[in-house]
Amino acid sequence: MAKEQLTPAETKTMMLKVADAIIEAEPILTDADRALGDGDHGVGMERGMNAVKEKLEASEYESVGKVFMDFGMAMMSSMGGASGAVFGTLFRAGGRSIKDSSTFGPQELANLITSGTESVMDRGGAKPGDKTMVDALDPAGTAANSATGQSLVDAMTATAAAGVAGRDASEAMIATMGRAKTLGEKSIGHPDAGAVSVAIMLNTMKDFITS
């Protein structure tokens, strides 16, 4: 039966599934990053997700926001580098925006992604169109905000679809941030690895909520 409001315990289970999905996708993420960068994104994300699992499995939660804050802190403290900083920021800032919520519903989803994305853009300087994870996050946040009056199933489904569309759209962009910017037009035809990670995360959340 599909879930309409997640408890903190259910939110923890969902994010553990996100961690497992990213670990499983390490070869995909490595290949995506190798096309545009140094190929270390997959291994870094795998390391971060192992730290996430260790932290979340050892903790009990009364707030859904704290689940995401711990998720981000585990990434930030274990990964290092740009990916650790921006993904850690995404979940820490997003989690802070809903830290007092005892359930995860459409409004919490919108707050999580919107606040997290804004903090990522503030921290790294990326904006939509730069061929970064923001190109998946920004449309996902727009979709989530448009769906706050809908069911959690519908809101998460729309949010994940927008994130995937953003990932796909990044293929046609010229990279203007990070190592990939040195490739210029040669970066066209490959999705940003961070956007690939975002799409996997959102799809895994959707699968959990709709199952």
N, C-alpha and C. Protein backbone atom coordinates (compact mmCIF):
# COMPACT_ATOMS: atom_id res chain seq x y z
N MET A 1 0.86 -1.19 0.00
CA MET A 1 0.00 0.00 0.00
C MET A 1 0.90 1.25 0.00
N ALA A 2 0.59 2.17 -0.86
CA ALA A 2 1.37 3.40 -0.96
C ALA A 2 1.27 4.22 0.32
N LYS A 3 2.31 4.97 0.61
CA LYS A 3 2.38 5.73 1.85
C LYS A 3 2.04 7.20 1.58
N GLU A 4 1.25 7.80 2.46
CA GLU A 4 0.85 9.19 2.28
C GLU A 4 1.55 10.14 3.24
N GLN A 5 1.98 9.67 4.39
CA GLN A 5 2.80 10.43 5.32
C GLN A 5 3.80 9.45 5.91
N LEU A 6 5.06 9.79 5.88
CA LEU A 6 6.07 8.90 6.45
C LEU A 6 6.38 9.31 7.88
N THR A 7 6.51 8.33 8.74
CA THR A 7 6.99 8.58 10.10
C THR A 7 8.51 8.76 10.03
N PRO A 8 9.12 9.22 11.12
CA PRO A 8 10.59 9.28 11.14
C PRO A 8 11.23 7.92 10.88
N ALA A 9 10.66 6.86 11.44
CA ALA A 9 11.22 5.52 11.22
C ALA A 9 11.12 5.11 9.76
N GLU A 10 9.99 5.42 9.12
CA GLU A 10 9.82 5.10 7.70
C GLU A 10 10.75 5.95 6.83
N THR A 11 10.94 7.20 7.23
CA THR A 11 11.86 8.09 6.50
C THR A 11 13.28 7.54 6.58
N LYS A 12 13.66 7.06 7.76
CA LYS A 12 14.98 6.43 7.93
C LYS A 12 15.12 5.23 7.00
N THR A 13 14.10 4.37 6.95
CA THR A 13 14.15 3.20 6.07
C THR A 13 14.27 3.61 4.62
N MET A 14 13.53 4.64 4.23
CA MET A 14 13.60 5.13 2.85
C MET A 14 15.01 5.59 2.49
N MET A 15 15.64 6.33 3.39
CA MET A 15 16.96 6.86 3.09
C MET A 15 18.04 5.80 3.15
N LEU A 16 17.82 4.73 3.92
CA LEU A 16 18.73 3.59 3.87
C LEU A 16 18.64 2.90 2.51
N LYS A 17 17.43 2.88 1.94
CA LYS A 17 17.27 2.32 0.59
C LYS A 17 17.96 3.21 -0.45
N VAL A 18 17.92 4.52 -0.24
CA VAL A 18 18.64 5.44 -1.12
C VAL A 18 20.13 5.15 -1.07
N ALA A 19 20.65 4.94 0.14
CA ALA A 19 22.07 4.62 0.28
C ALA A 19 22.42 3.34 -0.46
N ASP A 20 21.59 2.31 -0.31
CA ASP A 20 21.84 1.05 -1.00
C ASP A 20 21.81 1.22 -2.52
N ALA A 21 20.88 2.04 -3.00
CA ALA A 21 20.76 2.25 -4.45
C ALA A 21 21.99 2.94 -5.02
N ILE A 22 22.52 3.90 -4.28
CA ILE A 22 23.73 4.61 -4.74
C ILE A 22 24.94 3.68 -4.71
N ILE A 23 25.05 2.86 -3.67
CA ILE A 23 26.14 1.90 -3.59
C ILE A 23 26.08 0.94 -4.79
N GLU A 24 24.89 0.47 -5.10
CA GLU A 24 24.72 -0.44 -6.23
C GLU A 24 25.06 0.23 -7.56
N ALA A 25 24.82 1.53 -7.63
CA ALA A 25 25.03 2.28 -8.87
C ALA A 25 26.45 2.80 -9.03
N GLU A 26 27.35 2.42 -8.14
CA GLU A 26 28.72 2.94 -8.21
C GLU A 26 29.34 2.84 -9.61
N PRO A 27 29.24 1.69 -10.32
CA PRO A 27 29.83 1.63 -11.66
C PRO A 27 29.21 2.63 -12.64
N ILE A 28 27.90 2.84 -12.53
CA ILE A 28 27.21 3.80 -13.40
C ILE A 28 27.72 5.21 -13.13
N LEU A 29 27.84 5.55 -11.85
CA LEU A 29 28.29 6.89 -11.48
C LEU A 29 29.76 7.10 -11.86
N THR A 30 30.56 6.06 -11.71
CA THR A 30 31.97 6.15 -12.10
C THR A 30 32.10 6.40 -13.60
N ASP A 31 31.33 5.66 -14.39
CA ASP A 31 31.38 5.84 -15.84
C ASP A 31 30.91 7.24 -16.24
N ALA A 32 29.84 7.72 -15.58
CA ALA A 32 29.32 9.05 -15.90
C ALA A 32 30.36 10.12 -15.59
N ASP A 33 31.07 9.96 -14.48
CA ASP A 33 32.07 10.95 -14.10
C ASP A 33 33.33 10.83 -14.94
N ARG A 34 33.66 9.63 -15.36
CA ARG A 34 34.86 9.43 -16.18
C ARG A 34 34.72 10.16 -17.52
N ALA A 35 33.49 10.28 -18.02
CA ALA A 35 33.26 10.95 -19.29
C ALA A 35 33.52 12.45 -19.21
N LEU A 36 33.40 13.01 -17.99
CA LEU A 36 33.49 14.46 -17.83
C LEU A 36 34.56 14.91 -16.83
N GLY A 37 34.98 13.99 -15.96
CA GLY A 37 35.90 14.41 -14.89
C GLY A 37 36.96 13.36 -14.64
N ASP A 38 37.26 13.13 -13.37
CA ASP A 38 38.34 12.20 -13.03
C ASP A 38 37.83 10.82 -12.64
N GLY A 39 36.54 10.62 -12.71
CA GLY A 39 35.98 9.29 -12.49
C GLY A 39 35.85 8.86 -11.05
N ASP A 40 35.99 9.78 -10.10
CA ASP A 40 35.96 9.39 -8.70
C ASP A 40 34.60 9.57 -8.03
N HIS A 41 33.62 10.05 -8.77
CA HIS A 41 32.32 10.34 -8.16
C HIS A 41 31.66 9.08 -7.60
N GLY A 42 31.72 7.98 -8.36
CA GLY A 42 31.06 6.76 -7.91
C GLY A 42 31.66 6.22 -6.63
N VAL A 43 32.97 6.16 -6.56
CA VAL A 43 33.65 5.64 -5.36
C VAL A 43 33.40 6.57 -4.17
N GLY A 44 33.43 7.87 -4.41
CA GLY A 44 33.16 8.83 -3.34
C GLY A 44 31.76 8.70 -2.79
N MET A 45 30.78 8.55 -3.70
CA MET A 45 29.40 8.40 -3.27
C MET A 45 29.20 7.08 -2.53
N GLU A 46 29.86 6.04 -2.99
CA GLU A 46 29.78 4.76 -2.30
C GLU A 46 30.31 4.89 -0.87
N ARG A 47 31.43 5.56 -0.72
CA ARG A 47 32.01 5.76 0.61
C ARG A 47 31.05 6.56 1.49
N GLY A 48 30.45 7.60 0.92
CA GLY A 48 29.49 8.40 1.67
C GLY A 48 28.27 7.61 2.10
N MET A 49 27.79 6.75 1.23
CA MET A 49 26.59 5.97 1.56
C MET A 49 26.87 4.90 2.60
N ASN A 50 28.07 4.36 2.61
CA ASN A 50 28.43 3.43 3.68
C ASN A 50 28.45 4.13 5.03
N ALA A 51 28.93 5.37 5.05
CA ALA A 51 28.92 6.17 6.29
C ALA A 51 27.49 6.51 6.69
N VAL A 52 26.65 6.81 5.70
CA VAL A 52 25.24 7.09 5.97
C VAL A 52 24.58 5.89 6.63
N LYS A 53 24.81 4.71 6.09
CA LYS A 53 24.19 3.50 6.64
C LYS A 53 24.62 3.27 8.08
N GLU A 54 25.90 3.45 8.34
CA GLU A 54 26.40 3.26 9.70
C GLU A 54 25.74 4.23 10.68
N LYS A 55 25.58 5.49 10.26
CA LYS A 55 24.99 6.50 11.13
C LYS A 55 23.49 6.26 11.34
N LEU A 56 22.76 6.06 10.25
CA LEU A 56 21.31 5.93 10.36
C LEU A 56 20.92 4.65 11.08
N GLU A 57 21.62 3.55 10.81
CA GLU A 57 21.26 2.28 11.43
C GLU A 57 21.47 2.31 12.94
N ALA A 58 22.36 3.17 13.39
CA ALA A 58 22.66 3.25 14.83
C ALA A 58 21.79 4.27 15.55
N SER A 59 20.88 4.93 14.84
CA SER A 59 20.12 6.05 15.42
C SER A 59 18.62 5.81 15.36
N GLU A 60 17.93 6.41 16.33
CA GLU A 60 16.46 6.45 16.33
C GLU A 60 16.04 7.91 16.18
N TYR A 61 14.92 8.14 15.54
CA TYR A 61 14.54 9.51 15.18
C TYR A 61 13.12 9.86 15.62
N GLU A 62 12.97 11.08 16.10
CA GLU A 62 11.66 11.64 16.42
C GLU A 62 11.25 12.70 15.41
N SER A 63 12.21 13.15 14.60
CA SER A 63 11.97 14.18 13.59
C SER A 63 12.44 13.66 12.24
N VAL A 64 11.65 13.89 11.19
CA VAL A 64 12.09 13.47 9.86
C VAL A 64 13.26 14.32 9.39
N GLY A 65 13.30 15.57 9.81
CA GLY A 65 14.38 16.44 9.39
C GLY A 65 15.74 15.96 9.87
N LYS A 66 15.77 15.40 11.08
CA LYS A 66 17.04 14.91 11.63
C LYS A 66 17.59 13.74 10.81
N VAL A 67 16.71 12.95 10.21
CA VAL A 67 17.17 11.86 9.35
C VAL A 67 18.01 12.42 8.20
N PHE A 68 17.47 13.47 7.56
CA PHE A 68 18.17 14.06 6.41
C PHE A 68 19.43 14.81 6.86
N MET A 69 19.36 15.46 8.02
CA MET A 69 20.54 16.16 8.52
C MET A 69 21.67 15.18 8.80
N ASP A 70 21.35 14.05 9.41
CA ASP A 70 22.37 13.03 9.66
C ASP A 70 22.89 12.43 8.35
N PHE A 71 22.00 12.26 7.40
CA PHE A 71 22.37 11.76 6.07
C PHE A 71 23.44 12.68 5.46
N GLY A 72 23.15 13.98 5.50
CA GLY A 72 24.09 14.94 4.93
C GLY A 72 25.38 15.04 5.70
N MET A 73 25.32 15.01 7.02
CA MET A 73 26.52 15.11 7.82
C MET A 73 27.43 13.90 7.60
N ALA A 74 26.84 12.72 7.48
CA ALA A 74 27.63 11.51 7.22
C ALA A 74 28.35 11.60 5.88
N MET A 75 27.68 12.15 4.89
CA MET A 75 28.32 12.33 3.59
C MET A 75 29.46 13.35 3.68
N MET A 76 29.18 14.44 4.32
CA MET A 76 30.15 15.53 4.39
C MET A 76 31.41 15.10 5.14
N SER A 77 31.24 14.32 6.21
CA SER A 77 32.38 13.96 7.05
C SER A 77 33.18 12.79 6.49
N SER A 78 32.60 12.02 5.58
CA SER A 78 33.27 10.82 5.09
C SER A 78 33.83 10.94 3.68
N MET A 79 33.27 11.83 2.87
CA MET A 79 33.61 11.86 1.44
C MET A 79 34.74 12.82 1.11
N GLY A 80 34.71 14.01 1.71
CA GLY A 80 35.67 15.02 1.29
C GLY A 80 35.35 15.47 -0.13
N GLY A 81 36.11 16.43 -0.63
CA GLY A 81 35.96 16.87 -2.01
C GLY A 81 34.66 17.60 -2.27
N ALA A 82 34.47 17.94 -3.53
CA ALA A 82 33.31 18.74 -3.93
C ALA A 82 32.00 18.00 -3.72
N SER A 83 31.95 16.72 -4.09
CA SER A 83 30.70 15.97 -3.96
C SER A 83 30.26 15.86 -2.50
N GLY A 84 31.21 15.60 -1.61
CA GLY A 84 30.87 15.53 -0.19
C GLY A 84 30.30 16.85 0.32
N ALA A 85 30.90 17.94 -0.14
CA ALA A 85 30.46 19.27 0.30
C ALA A 85 29.05 19.58 -0.21
N VAL A 86 28.81 19.35 -1.50
CA VAL A 86 27.53 19.78 -2.06
C VAL A 86 26.40 18.82 -1.70
N PHE A 87 26.65 17.52 -1.72
CA PHE A 87 25.59 16.59 -1.32
C PHE A 87 25.34 16.67 0.18
N GLY A 88 26.40 16.85 0.96
CA GLY A 88 26.22 17.06 2.38
C GLY A 88 25.40 18.30 2.67
N THR A 89 25.70 19.38 1.95
CA THR A 89 24.94 20.62 2.09
C THR A 89 23.49 20.43 1.70
N LEU A 90 23.25 19.71 0.61
CA LEU A 90 21.88 19.46 0.15
C LEU A 90 21.01 18.88 1.25
N PHE A 91 21.50 17.83 1.88
CA PHE A 91 20.68 17.14 2.88
C PHE A 91 20.71 17.80 4.25
N ARG A 92 21.82 18.40 4.62
CA ARG A 92 21.86 19.10 5.91
C ARG A 92 20.93 20.32 5.88
N ALA A 93 21.05 21.12 4.85
CA ALA A 93 20.21 22.32 4.77
C ALA A 93 18.74 21.95 4.55
N GLY A 94 18.51 20.98 3.68
CA GLY A 94 17.13 20.53 3.46
C GLY A 94 16.52 19.98 4.73
N GLY A 95 17.31 19.19 5.47
CA GLY A 95 16.82 18.63 6.72
C GLY A 95 16.52 19.69 7.76
N ARG A 96 17.38 20.70 7.84
CA ARG A 96 17.14 21.79 8.81
C ARG A 96 15.81 22.48 8.55
N SER A 97 15.42 22.57 7.28
CA SER A 97 14.17 23.28 6.95
C SER A 97 12.94 22.53 7.45
N ILE A 98 13.07 21.24 7.78
CA ILE A 98 11.94 20.45 8.26
C ILE A 98 12.29 19.76 9.58
N LYS A 99 13.23 20.34 10.32
CA LYS A 99 13.77 19.65 11.51
C LYS A 99 12.74 19.42 12.59
N ASP A 100 11.65 20.20 12.61
CA ASP A 100 10.65 20.03 13.66
C ASP A 100 9.46 19.17 13.21
N SER A 101 9.52 18.67 11.98
CA SER A 101 8.39 17.89 11.44
C SER A 101 8.45 16.45 11.92
N SER A 102 7.32 15.94 12.37
CA SER A 102 7.25 14.56 12.82
C SER A 102 6.77 13.62 11.71
N THR A 103 6.37 14.18 10.57
CA THR A 103 5.97 13.37 9.42
C THR A 103 6.56 13.97 8.15
N PHE A 104 6.72 13.12 7.14
CA PHE A 104 7.24 13.54 5.84
C PHE A 104 6.13 13.42 4.82
N GLY A 105 5.64 14.60 4.37
CA GLY A 105 4.58 14.65 3.38
C GLY A 105 4.97 15.57 2.23
N PRO A 106 4.01 15.97 1.40
CA PRO A 106 4.33 16.79 0.23
C PRO A 106 5.00 18.12 0.57
N GLN A 107 4.57 18.78 1.65
CA GLN A 107 5.19 20.06 2.01
C GLN A 107 6.62 19.86 2.47
N GLU A 108 6.86 18.82 3.24
CA GLU A 108 8.22 18.53 3.70
C GLU A 108 9.13 18.20 2.52
N LEU A 109 8.60 17.46 1.56
CA LEU A 109 9.36 17.15 0.34
C LEU A 109 9.77 18.43 -0.38
N ALA A 110 8.82 19.33 -0.55
CA ALA A 110 9.11 20.60 -1.24
C ALA A 110 10.14 21.42 -0.47
N ASN A 111 9.97 21.50 0.85
CA ASN A 111 10.91 22.28 1.66
C ASN A 111 12.31 21.68 1.61
N LEU A 112 12.38 20.34 1.71
CA LEU A 112 13.66 19.63 1.67
C LEU A 112 14.44 19.98 0.40
N ILE A 113 13.80 19.83 -0.73
CA ILE A 113 14.53 20.01 -2.00
C ILE A 113 14.79 21.49 -2.28
N THR A 114 13.82 22.35 -1.99
CA THR A 114 14.01 23.77 -2.26
C THR A 114 15.12 24.36 -1.41
N SER A 115 15.05 24.13 -0.11
CA SER A 115 16.08 24.68 0.79
C SER A 115 17.45 24.07 0.50
N GLY A 116 17.46 22.77 0.25
CA GLY A 116 18.72 22.11 -0.05
C GLY A 116 19.35 22.63 -1.33
N THR A 117 18.54 22.81 -2.36
CA THR A 117 19.05 23.30 -3.64
C THR A 117 19.58 24.72 -3.52
N GLU A 118 18.85 25.56 -2.82
CA GLU A 118 19.31 26.95 -2.63
C GLU A 118 20.66 26.98 -1.93
N SER A 119 20.83 26.12 -0.94
CA SER A 119 22.10 26.08 -0.20
C SER A 119 23.24 25.54 -1.07
N VAL A 120 22.93 24.56 -1.92
CA VAL A 120 23.94 24.04 -2.85
C VAL A 120 24.38 25.14 -3.81
N MET A 121 23.43 25.90 -4.33
CA MET A 121 23.78 26.98 -5.26
C MET A 121 24.58 28.08 -4.57
N ASP A 122 24.20 28.38 -3.32
CA ASP A 122 24.95 29.39 -2.56
C ASP A 122 26.37 28.92 -2.28
N ARG A 123 26.52 27.65 -1.96
CA ARG A 123 27.84 27.14 -1.58
C ARG A 123 28.77 26.99 -2.78
N GLY A 124 28.25 26.41 -3.87
CA GLY A 124 29.12 26.08 -5.00
C GLY A 124 29.08 27.08 -6.14
N GLY A 125 28.08 27.94 -6.14
CA GLY A 125 27.97 28.95 -7.19
C GLY A 125 27.31 28.46 -8.47
N ALA A 126 26.91 27.19 -8.51
CA ALA A 126 26.26 26.66 -9.72
C ALA A 126 24.84 27.17 -9.83
N LYS A 127 24.40 27.32 -11.07
CA LYS A 127 23.03 27.71 -11.35
C LYS A 127 22.49 26.79 -12.45
N PRO A 128 21.17 26.77 -12.64
CA PRO A 128 20.62 25.92 -13.69
C PRO A 128 21.26 26.23 -15.05
N GLY A 129 21.64 25.18 -15.77
CA GLY A 129 22.26 25.34 -17.07
C GLY A 129 23.77 25.18 -17.05
N ASP A 130 24.36 25.07 -15.85
CA ASP A 130 25.81 24.92 -15.73
C ASP A 130 26.28 23.47 -15.87
N LYS A 131 25.35 22.56 -16.04
CA LYS A 131 25.64 21.11 -16.15
C LYS A 131 26.22 20.59 -14.84
N THR A 132 25.40 20.70 -13.78
CA THR A 132 25.75 20.16 -12.47
C THR A 132 24.52 19.46 -11.89
N MET A 133 24.64 18.99 -10.66
CA MET A 133 23.51 18.37 -9.97
C MET A 133 22.32 19.32 -9.86
N VAL A 134 22.58 20.62 -9.91
CA VAL A 134 21.50 21.61 -9.83
C VAL A 134 20.52 21.44 -10.99
N ASP A 135 20.99 20.94 -12.11
CA ASP A 135 20.10 20.78 -13.27
C ASP A 135 19.08 19.68 -13.07
N ALA A 136 19.32 18.77 -12.13
CA ALA A 136 18.30 17.80 -11.73
C ALA A 136 17.51 18.31 -10.53
N LEU A 137 18.19 19.00 -9.62
CA LEU A 137 17.52 19.47 -8.40
C LEU A 137 16.53 20.59 -8.64
N ASP A 138 16.91 21.55 -9.48
CA ASP A 138 16.05 22.72 -9.67
C ASP A 138 14.68 22.36 -10.23
N PRO A 139 14.58 21.57 -11.31
CA PRO A 139 13.24 21.19 -11.77
C PRO A 139 12.51 20.28 -10.79
N ALA A 140 13.26 19.47 -10.05
CA ALA A 140 12.62 18.63 -9.03
C ALA A 140 11.97 19.49 -7.96
N GLY A 141 12.67 20.55 -7.54
CA GLY A 141 12.11 21.45 -6.54
C GLY A 141 10.88 22.18 -7.05
N THR A 142 10.93 22.60 -8.32
CA THR A 142 9.76 23.27 -8.92
C THR A 142 8.56 22.33 -8.92
N ALA A 143 8.79 21.08 -9.32
CA ALA A 143 7.70 20.10 -9.35
C ALA A 143 7.16 19.83 -7.95
N ALA A 144 8.05 19.71 -6.98
CA ALA A 144 7.61 19.45 -5.60
C ALA A 144 6.77 20.60 -5.06
N ASN A 145 7.19 21.82 -5.34
CA ASN A 145 6.44 22.98 -4.87
C ASN A 145 5.08 23.09 -5.54
N SER A 146 4.99 22.63 -6.78
CA SER A 146 3.71 22.68 -7.49
C SER A 146 2.75 21.60 -7.01
N ALA A 147 3.28 20.62 -6.28
CA ALA A 147 2.47 19.46 -5.90
C ALA A 147 2.18 19.37 -4.42
N THR A 148 2.37 20.47 -3.67
CA THR A 148 2.18 20.40 -2.22
C THR A 148 0.73 20.12 -1.84
N GLY A 149 -0.21 20.40 -2.73
CA GLY A 149 -1.62 20.13 -2.43
C GLY A 149 -2.06 18.75 -2.87
N GLN A 150 -1.16 17.98 -3.43
CA GLN A 150 -1.49 16.64 -3.90
C GLN A 150 -1.09 15.59 -2.84
N SER A 151 -1.33 14.33 -3.16
CA SER A 151 -0.91 13.25 -2.28
C SER A 151 0.61 13.13 -2.32
N LEU A 152 1.18 12.51 -1.31
CA LEU A 152 2.63 12.30 -1.29
C LEU A 152 3.06 11.44 -2.47
N VAL A 153 2.26 10.44 -2.81
CA VAL A 153 2.58 9.59 -3.96
C VAL A 153 2.68 10.41 -5.23
N ASP A 154 1.68 11.25 -5.47
CA ASP A 154 1.69 12.07 -6.69
C ASP A 154 2.81 13.10 -6.67
N ALA A 155 3.03 13.70 -5.50
CA ALA A 155 4.07 14.72 -5.39
C ALA A 155 5.46 14.11 -5.62
N MET A 156 5.72 12.96 -5.02
CA MET A 156 7.03 12.33 -5.17
C MET A 156 7.22 11.81 -6.59
N THR A 157 6.14 11.31 -7.19
CA THR A 157 6.22 10.83 -8.57
C THR A 157 6.58 11.97 -9.52
N ALA A 158 5.92 13.11 -9.35
CA ALA A 158 6.21 14.27 -10.20
C ALA A 158 7.61 14.81 -9.95
N THR A 159 8.03 14.81 -8.69
CA THR A 159 9.35 15.31 -8.34
C THR A 159 10.45 14.45 -8.95
N ALA A 160 10.30 13.13 -8.83
CA ALA A 160 11.29 12.22 -9.39
C ALA A 160 11.34 12.34 -10.91
N ALA A 161 10.18 12.44 -11.54
CA ALA A 161 10.15 12.56 -13.01
C ALA A 161 10.85 13.84 -13.46
N ALA A 162 10.66 14.91 -12.72
CA ALA A 162 11.32 16.18 -13.07
C ALA A 162 12.83 16.08 -12.89
N GLY A 163 13.25 15.38 -11.85
CA GLY A 163 14.68 15.18 -11.63
C GLY A 163 15.32 14.38 -12.75
N VAL A 164 14.64 13.34 -13.20
CA VAL A 164 15.14 12.52 -14.31
C VAL A 164 15.20 13.34 -15.59
N ALA A 165 14.16 14.14 -15.83
CA ALA A 165 14.16 15.00 -17.01
C ALA A 165 15.31 16.01 -16.95
N GLY A 166 15.60 16.52 -15.76
CA GLY A 166 16.71 17.44 -15.60
C GLY A 166 18.04 16.77 -15.86
N ARG A 167 18.18 15.55 -15.36
CA ARG A 167 19.40 14.77 -15.64
C ARG A 167 19.58 14.60 -17.15
N ASP A 168 18.50 14.23 -17.82
CA ASP A 168 18.58 14.01 -19.27
C ASP A 168 18.90 15.31 -20.00
N ALA A 169 18.33 16.42 -19.54
CA ALA A 169 18.58 17.71 -20.18
C ALA A 169 20.03 18.14 -20.03
N SER A 170 20.69 17.68 -18.97
CA SER A 170 22.09 18.07 -18.76
C SER A 170 23.01 17.51 -19.84
N GLU A 171 22.57 16.48 -20.54
CA GLU A 171 23.39 15.92 -21.60
C GLU A 171 23.69 16.95 -22.69
N ALA A 172 22.73 17.80 -22.98
CA ALA A 172 22.88 18.76 -24.08
C ALA A 172 23.61 20.03 -23.67
N MET A 173 23.94 20.15 -22.38
CA MET A 173 24.57 21.38 -21.88
C MET A 173 26.09 21.33 -22.02
N ILE A 174 26.68 22.51 -22.10
CA ILE A 174 28.14 22.65 -22.04
C ILE A 174 28.52 22.93 -20.60
N ALA A 175 29.42 22.13 -20.06
CA ALA A 175 29.82 22.29 -18.66
C ALA A 175 30.54 23.62 -18.44
N THR A 176 30.14 24.32 -17.40
CA THR A 176 30.78 25.60 -17.06
C THR A 176 31.31 25.61 -15.63
N MET A 177 31.25 24.44 -14.95
CA MET A 177 31.72 24.33 -13.57
C MET A 177 32.63 23.12 -13.43
N GLY A 178 33.55 23.18 -12.49
CA GLY A 178 34.38 22.03 -12.16
C GLY A 178 35.33 21.62 -13.27
N ARG A 179 35.85 20.40 -13.13
CA ARG A 179 36.82 19.90 -14.12
C ARG A 179 36.22 19.83 -15.52
N ALA A 180 34.94 19.52 -15.60
CA ALA A 180 34.31 19.32 -16.90
C ALA A 180 34.32 20.57 -17.77
N LYS A 181 34.44 21.76 -17.15
CA LYS A 181 34.38 22.98 -17.96
C LYS A 181 35.55 23.08 -18.93
N THR A 182 36.65 22.39 -18.65
CA THR A 182 37.80 22.43 -19.56
C THR A 182 37.51 21.69 -20.86
N LEU A 183 36.46 20.86 -20.86
CA LEU A 183 36.11 20.10 -22.07
C LEU A 183 35.34 20.92 -23.08
N GLY A 184 34.73 22.01 -22.61
CA GLY A 184 33.94 22.84 -23.52
C GLY A 184 32.85 22.04 -24.20
N GLU A 185 32.75 22.15 -25.53
CA GLU A 185 31.68 21.48 -26.27
C GLU A 185 31.82 19.95 -26.24
N LYS A 186 32.98 19.44 -25.88
CA LYS A 186 33.15 17.99 -25.78
C LYS A 186 32.35 17.40 -24.62
N SER A 187 31.88 18.28 -23.73
CA SER A 187 31.06 17.78 -22.62
C SER A 187 29.62 17.49 -23.05
N ILE A 188 29.25 17.96 -24.25
CA ILE A 188 27.90 17.70 -24.76
C ILE A 188 27.74 16.21 -25.05
N GLY A 189 26.59 15.67 -24.70
CA GLY A 189 26.31 14.27 -24.96
C GLY A 189 26.45 13.37 -23.75
N HIS A 190 26.91 13.94 -22.65
CA HIS A 190 27.06 13.18 -21.42
C HIS A 190 26.31 13.88 -20.29
N PRO A 191 25.54 13.14 -19.48
CA PRO A 191 24.87 13.78 -18.35
C PRO A 191 25.87 14.06 -17.23
N ASP A 192 25.57 15.06 -16.42
CA ASP A 192 26.41 15.32 -15.25
C ASP A 192 26.27 14.19 -14.25
N ALA A 193 27.40 13.75 -13.69
CA ALA A 193 27.37 12.63 -12.76
C ALA A 193 26.57 12.95 -11.49
N GLY A 194 26.68 14.18 -11.01
CA GLY A 194 25.91 14.57 -9.84
C GLY A 194 24.42 14.54 -10.11
N ALA A 195 24.02 14.94 -11.33
CA ALA A 195 22.61 14.88 -11.71
C ALA A 195 22.13 13.44 -11.81
N VAL A 196 23.02 12.54 -12.24
CA VAL A 196 22.68 11.12 -12.28
C VAL A 196 22.42 10.62 -10.86
N SER A 197 23.27 11.01 -9.92
CA SER A 197 23.07 10.61 -8.52
C SER A 197 21.75 11.14 -7.97
N VAL A 198 21.45 12.40 -8.25
CA VAL A 198 20.19 12.98 -7.78
C VAL A 198 18.99 12.20 -8.32
N ALA A 199 19.02 11.86 -9.60
CA ALA A 199 17.91 11.13 -10.20
C ALA A 199 17.72 9.77 -9.55
N ILE A 200 18.83 9.08 -9.26
CA ILE A 200 18.75 7.79 -8.59
C ILE A 200 18.14 7.95 -7.20
N MET A 201 18.58 8.96 -6.47
CA MET A 201 18.05 9.20 -5.14
C MET A 201 16.54 9.46 -5.16
N LEU A 202 16.11 10.33 -6.05
CA LEU A 202 14.69 10.69 -6.13
C LEU A 202 13.85 9.50 -6.58
N ASN A 203 14.35 8.73 -7.54
CA ASN A 203 13.61 7.55 -7.99
C ASN A 203 13.48 6.51 -6.90
N THR A 204 14.52 6.36 -6.09
CA THR A 204 14.47 5.39 -4.99
C THR A 204 13.46 5.83 -3.93
N MET A 205 13.44 7.13 -3.63
CA MET A 205 12.42 7.65 -2.72
C MET A 205 11.02 7.41 -3.28
N LYS A 206 10.85 7.64 -4.56
CA LYS A 206 9.55 7.42 -5.21
C LYS A 206 9.15 5.96 -5.10
N ASP A 207 10.07 5.05 -5.38
CA ASP A 207 9.76 3.63 -5.33
C ASP A 207 9.33 3.21 -3.93
N PHE A 208 9.98 3.76 -2.91
CA PHE A 208 9.62 3.43 -1.54
C PHE A 208 8.22 3.96 -1.20
N ILE A 209 7.96 5.20 -1.57
CA ILE A 209 6.69 5.84 -1.21
C ILE A 209 5.52 5.22 -1.97
N THR A 210 5.74 4.79 -3.20
CA THR A 210 4.64 4.25 -4.01
C THR A 210 4.45 2.75 -3.84
N SER A 211 5.37 2.10 -3.12
CA SER A 211 5.28 0.63 -2.98
C SER A 211 4.22 0.24 -1.95
